[in-house]
């Protein structure tokens, strides 16, 4: 399943879906977390790649649930 990106006009012709699937996005997150030693920086970069806006409060909420 490819990531739904409804607020990015770049993906309008693709039914609002990114060219990166959820599994690949998770793999990128893991890779960049290891590379940068920062999950937050990795999340920012993956959001940029996928085409969705990054949000600090959403990230913080996600991180709290992961603990």
C-alpha atoms as a PDB file:
ATOM      1  CA  UNK A   1       0.000   0.000   0.000  1.00  0.00           C
ATOM      2  CA  UNK A   2       1.396   3.374  -1.006  1.00  0.00           C
ATOM      3  CA  UNK A   3       1.322   6.366   1.323  1.00  0.00           C
ATOM      4  CA  UNK A   4      -1.693   8.645   0.829  1.00  0.00           C
ATOM      5  CA  UNK A   5      -0.568  12.246   0.356  1.00  0.00           C
ATOM      6  CA  UNK A   6      -3.766  14.203  -0.047  1.00  0.00           C
ATOM      7  CA  UNK A   7      -2.306  17.656   0.612  1.00  0.00           C
ATOM      8  CA  UNK A   8       0.496  17.516  -1.959  1.00  0.00           C
ATOM      9  CA  UNK A   9      -0.507  18.469  -5.526  1.00  0.00           C
ATOM     10  CA  UNK A  10       2.506  16.586  -6.918  1.00  0.00           C
ATOM     11  CA  UNK A  11       0.615  13.338  -6.396  1.00  0.00           C
ATOM     12  CA  UNK A  12      -2.816  14.368  -7.747  1.00  0.00           C
ATOM     13  CA  UNK A  13      -2.318  12.306 -10.897  1.00  0.00           C
ATOM     14  CA  UNK A  14      -1.536   9.226  -8.811  1.00  0.00           C
ATOM     15  CA  UNK A  15      -4.790   9.235  -6.817  1.00  0.00           C
ATOM     16  CA  UNK A  16      -3.000  11.274  -4.145  1.00  0.00           C
ATOM     17  CA  UNK A  17      -0.526   8.479  -3.411  1.00  0.00           C
ATOM     18  CA  UNK A  18       3.212   8.792  -2.988  1.00  0.00           C
ATOM     19  CA  UNK A  19       5.601   6.654  -5.020  1.00  0.00           C
ATOM     20  CA  UNK A  20       6.883   5.118  -1.765  1.00  0.00           C
ATOM     21  CA  UNK A  21       5.005   2.330   0.012  1.00  0.00           C
ATOM     22  CA  UNK A  22       4.563   2.117   3.790  1.00  0.00           C
ATOM     23  CA  UNK A  23       7.098  -0.701   4.128  1.00  0.00           C
ATOM     24  CA  UNK A  24       9.718   1.275   2.219  1.00  0.00           C
ATOM     25  CA  UNK A  25       8.987   4.387   4.301  1.00  0.00           C
ATOM     26  CA  UNK A  26       9.516   2.339   7.475  1.00  0.00           C
ATOM     27  CA  UNK A  27      12.759   0.915   6.085  1.00  0.00           C
ATOM     28  CA  UNK A  28      13.929   4.439   5.243  1.00  0.00           C
ATOM     29  CA  UNK A  29      13.041   5.578   8.755  1.00  0.00           C
ATOM     30  CA  UNK A  30      15.086   2.750  10.250  1.00  0.00           C
ATOM     31  CA  UNK A  31      18.018   3.366   7.912  1.00  0.00           C
ATOM     32  CA  UNK A  32      18.156   7.115   8.507  1.00  0.00           C
ATOM     33  CA  UNK A  33      17.676   6.689  12.258  1.00  0.00           C
ATOM     34  CA  UNK A  34      20.777   4.469  12.329  1.00  0.00           C
ATOM     35  CA  UNK A  35      22.673   6.772   9.968  1.00  0.00           C
ATOM     36  CA  UNK A  36      21.934  10.064  11.755  1.00  0.00           C
ATOM     37  CA  UNK A  37      21.521   8.569  15.260  1.00  0.00           C
ATOM     38  CA  UNK A  38      18.352  10.644  15.518  1.00  0.00           C
ATOM     39  CA  UNK A  39      14.833   9.315  15.021  1.00  0.00           C
ATOM     40  CA  UNK A  40      13.469  12.867  14.813  1.00  0.00           C
ATOM     41  CA  UNK A  41      15.833  13.898  12.017  1.00  0.00           C
ATOM     42  CA  UNK A  42      15.094  10.616  10.234  1.00  0.00           C
ATOM     43  CA  UNK A  43      11.347  11.269  10.488  1.00  0.00           C
ATOM     44  CA  UNK A  44      11.798  14.768   9.068  1.00  0.00           C
ATOM     45  CA  UNK A  45      13.746  13.400   6.121  1.00  0.00           C
ATOM     46  CA  UNK A  46      11.279  10.578   5.408  1.00  0.00           C
ATOM     47  CA  UNK A  47       8.395  13.059   5.501  1.00  0.00           C
ATOM     48  CA  UNK A  48      10.264  15.183   2.970  1.00  0.00           C
ATOM     49  CA  UNK A  49      10.889  12.162   0.728  1.00  0.00           C
ATOM     50  CA  UNK A  50       7.300  10.920   0.956  1.00  0.00           C
ATOM     51  CA  UNK A  51       5.884  14.415   0.432  1.00  0.00           C
ATOM     52  CA  UNK A  52       4.024  14.990   3.683  1.00  0.00           C
ATOM     53  CA  UNK A  53       4.559  17.853   6.125  1.00  0.00           C
ATOM     54  CA  UNK A  54       6.513  17.084   9.286  1.00  0.00           C
ATOM     55  CA  UNK A  55       4.862  18.009  12.585  1.00  0.00           C
ATOM     56  CA  UNK A  56       6.770  18.092  15.903  1.00  0.00           C
ATOM     57  CA  UNK A  57       3.717  17.487  18.083  1.00  0.00           C
ATOM     58  CA  UNK A  58       2.643  14.458  16.028  1.00  0.00           C
ATOM     59  CA  UNK A  59       6.187  13.077  16.238  1.00  0.00           C
ATOM     60  CA  UNK A  60       6.279  13.598  20.005  1.00  0.00           C
ATOM     61  CA  UNK A  61       2.913  11.839  20.412  1.00  0.00           C
ATOM     62  CA  UNK A  62       4.158   8.919  18.303  1.00  0.00           C
ATOM     63  CA  UNK A  63       7.363   8.665  20.326  1.00  0.00           C
ATOM     64  CA  UNK A  64       5.434   8.587  23.621  1.00  0.00           C
ATOM     65  CA  UNK A  65       3.316   5.696  22.338  1.00  0.00           C
ATOM     66  CA  UNK A  66       6.455   3.786  21.341  1.00  0.00           C
ATOM     67  CA  UNK A  67       7.892   3.897  24.882  1.00  0.00           C
END
